[in-house]
Amino acid sequence: MITTDEVHSTAMPSSAPRAGTFTTAHVLGISVFPGLATLLTVNNVPAAEIYPLLGVSGAIGVGVVLAASGGRRVLAAFATALRAGQ
C-alpha cells in the first residue's frame, strides 16, 4: 500500500521550480525592457515610438506567460469578455 508521504515525495522532482519563485525567464523579461528602451533612446528613436513598442511587446509577453503557465482560467475569462463585447 502506498502512503501519502510516498506520493508527495515522488510527485515532483526537487529540481522543479516552486510556485511563486522567480525563474530565469522572469528575470530576463524584467531586465530586457529597460535595456531595450535605453538602446533605442541612445540610437535617437523618439519616445513616442518607444513606448508603444514596449507596451505591445509586453502585452505579447504577458499573453505567452499566461498561456504557458497554465493561466487557462484567466484566458477563458478574457475570451468570454471579448465575446460578450461583440
C-alpha atoms as a PDB file:
ATOM      1  CA  MET A   1       0.000   0.000   0.000  1.00  0.00           C
ATOM      2  CA  ILE A   2       1.319   3.475  -0.896  1.00  0.00           C
ATOM      3  CA  THR A   3       1.195   6.046   1.858  1.00  0.00           C
ATOM      4  CA  THR A   4       0.515   9.761   1.440  1.00  0.00           C
ATOM      5  CA  ASP A   5       4.134  10.582   2.311  1.00  0.00           C
ATOM      6  CA  GLU A   6       5.414   8.379  -0.506  1.00  0.00           C
ATOM      7  CA  VAL A   7       3.115  10.028  -3.040  1.00  0.00           C
ATOM      8  CA  HIS A   8       4.153  13.535  -2.044  1.00  0.00           C
ATOM      9  CA  SER A   9       7.842  12.713  -2.024  1.00  0.00           C
ATOM     10  CA  THR A  10       7.779  11.259  -5.560  1.00  0.00           C
ATOM     11  CA  ALA A  11       5.222  13.585  -7.157  1.00  0.00           C
ATOM     12  CA  MET A  12       7.625  16.372  -8.148  1.00  0.00           C
ATOM     13  CA  PRO A  13      11.381  16.319  -8.546  1.00  0.00           C
ATOM     14  CA  SER A  14      13.237  18.655  -6.226  1.00  0.00           C
ATOM     15  CA  SER A  15      14.803  20.484  -9.185  1.00  0.00           C
ATOM     16  CA  ALA A  16      11.411  21.777 -10.375  1.00  0.00           C
ATOM     17  CA  PRO A  17      10.786  25.452  -9.559  1.00  0.00           C
ATOM     18  CA  ARG A  18       8.335  26.055  -6.730  1.00  0.00           C
ATOM     19  CA  ALA A  19       5.249  28.148  -7.299  1.00  0.00           C
ATOM     20  CA  GLY A  20       5.902  31.800  -6.599  1.00  0.00           C
ATOM     21  CA  THR A  21       9.639  31.721  -7.320  1.00  0.00           C
ATOM     22  CA  PHE A  22      11.446  33.761  -9.943  1.00  0.00           C
ATOM     23  CA  THR A  23      12.967  31.866 -12.826  1.00  0.00           C
ATOM     24  CA  THR A  24      15.454  32.950 -15.456  1.00  0.00           C
ATOM     25  CA  ALA A  25      12.587  33.829 -17.799  1.00  0.00           C
ATOM     26  CA  HIS A  26      11.130  36.242 -15.225  1.00  0.00           C
ATOM     27  CA  VAL A  27      14.458  37.928 -14.577  1.00  0.00           C
ATOM     28  CA  LEU A  28      15.275  38.295 -18.276  1.00  0.00           C
ATOM     29  CA  GLY A  29      11.842  39.681 -19.026  1.00  0.00           C
ATOM     30  CA  ILE A  30      12.157  42.279 -16.287  1.00  0.00           C
ATOM     31  CA  SER A  31      15.670  43.341 -17.295  1.00  0.00           C
ATOM     32  CA  VAL A  32      15.175  43.400 -21.085  1.00  0.00           C
ATOM     33  CA  PHE A  33      12.642  46.244 -21.169  1.00  0.00           C
ATOM     34  CA  PRO A  34      14.821  48.940 -19.559  1.00  0.00           C
ATOM     35  CA  GLY A  35      17.779  47.785 -21.652  1.00  0.00           C
ATOM     36  CA  LEU A  36      15.788  47.902 -24.874  1.00  0.00           C
ATOM     37  CA  ALA A  37      14.402  51.346 -24.035  1.00  0.00           C
ATOM     38  CA  THR A  38      17.914  52.619 -23.286  1.00  0.00           C
ATOM     39  CA  LEU A  39      19.292  51.150 -26.507  1.00  0.00           C
ATOM     40  CA  LEU A  40      16.534  52.731 -28.572  1.00  0.00           C
ATOM     41  CA  THR A  41      16.967  56.101 -26.831  1.00  0.00           C
ATOM     42  CA  VAL A  42      20.733  56.091 -27.455  1.00  0.00           C
ATOM     43  CA  ASN A  43      20.020  55.439 -31.144  1.00  0.00           C
ATOM     44  CA  ASN A  44      17.788  58.552 -31.299  1.00  0.00           C
ATOM     45  CA  VAL A  45      14.445  56.764 -31.601  1.00  0.00           C
ATOM     46  CA  PRO A  46      11.708  59.150 -30.407  1.00  0.00           C
ATOM     47  CA  ALA A  47       9.962  58.278 -27.151  1.00  0.00           C
ATOM     48  CA  ALA A  48       6.622  58.400 -28.986  1.00  0.00           C
ATOM     49  CA  GLU A  49       7.747  55.261 -30.861  1.00  0.00           C
ATOM     50  CA  ILE A  50       9.481  53.525 -27.939  1.00  0.00           C
ATOM     51  CA  TYR A  51       6.529  53.415 -25.524  1.00  0.00           C
ATOM     52  CA  PRO A  52       4.045  51.735 -27.902  1.00  0.00           C
ATOM     53  CA  LEU A  53       6.710  49.225 -28.962  1.00  0.00           C
ATOM     54  CA  LEU A  54       7.461  48.275 -25.367  1.00  0.00           C
ATOM     55  CA  GLY A  55       3.757  48.178 -24.499  1.00  0.00           C
ATOM     56  CA  VAL A  56       2.849  45.829 -27.331  1.00  0.00           C
ATOM     57  CA  SER A  57       5.823  43.557 -26.732  1.00  0.00           C
ATOM     58  CA  GLY A  58       4.980  43.478 -23.019  1.00  0.00           C
ATOM     59  CA  ALA A  59       1.384  42.533 -23.784  1.00  0.00           C
ATOM     60  CA  ILE A  60       2.583  39.728 -26.035  1.00  0.00           C
ATOM     61  CA  GLY A  61       4.928  38.549 -23.281  1.00  0.00           C
ATOM     62  CA  VAL A  62       2.115  38.519 -20.719  1.00  0.00           C
ATOM     63  CA  GLY A  63      -0.065  36.509 -23.077  1.00  0.00           C
ATOM     64  CA  VAL A  64       2.675  33.954 -23.668  1.00  0.00           C
ATOM     65  CA  VAL A  65       3.420  33.604 -19.948  1.00  0.00           C
ATOM     66  CA  LEU A  66      -0.264  33.160 -19.128  1.00  0.00           C
ATOM     67  CA  ALA A  67      -0.684  30.556 -21.847  1.00  0.00           C
ATOM     68  CA  ALA A  68       2.467  28.656 -20.876  1.00  0.00           C
ATOM     69  CA  SER A  69       1.983  28.805 -17.121  1.00  0.00           C
ATOM     70  CA  GLY A  70      -1.465  27.280 -17.068  1.00  0.00           C
ATOM     71  CA  GLY A  71      -3.426  30.523 -16.925  1.00  0.00           C
ATOM     72  CA  ARG A  72      -6.272  28.798 -18.699  1.00  0.00           C
ATOM     73  CA  ARG A  73      -8.942  30.250 -16.424  1.00  0.00           C
ATOM     74  CA  VAL A  74      -7.651  33.781 -16.977  1.00  0.00           C
ATOM     75  CA  LEU A  75      -7.527  33.273 -20.736  1.00  0.00           C
ATOM     76  CA  ALA A  76     -11.002  31.715 -20.751  1.00  0.00           C
ATOM     77  CA  ALA A  77     -12.398  34.672 -18.790  1.00  0.00           C
ATOM     78  CA  PHE A  78     -10.663  37.085 -21.173  1.00  0.00           C
ATOM     79  CA  ALA A  79     -12.080  35.261 -24.213  1.00  0.00           C
ATOM     80  CA  THR A  80     -15.556  35.324 -22.664  1.00  0.00           C
ATOM     81  CA  ALA A  81     -15.265  39.054 -22.057  1.00  0.00           C
ATOM     82  CA  LEU A  82     -14.181  39.596 -25.656  1.00  0.00           C
ATOM     83  CA  ARG A  83     -17.116  37.572 -26.950  1.00  0.00           C
ATOM     84  CA  ALA A  84     -19.536  39.471 -24.713  1.00  0.00           C
ATOM     85  CA  GLY A  85     -18.282  42.795 -26.079  1.00  0.00           C
ATOM     86  CA  GLN A  86     -19.058  41.868 -29.690  1.00  0.00           C
END
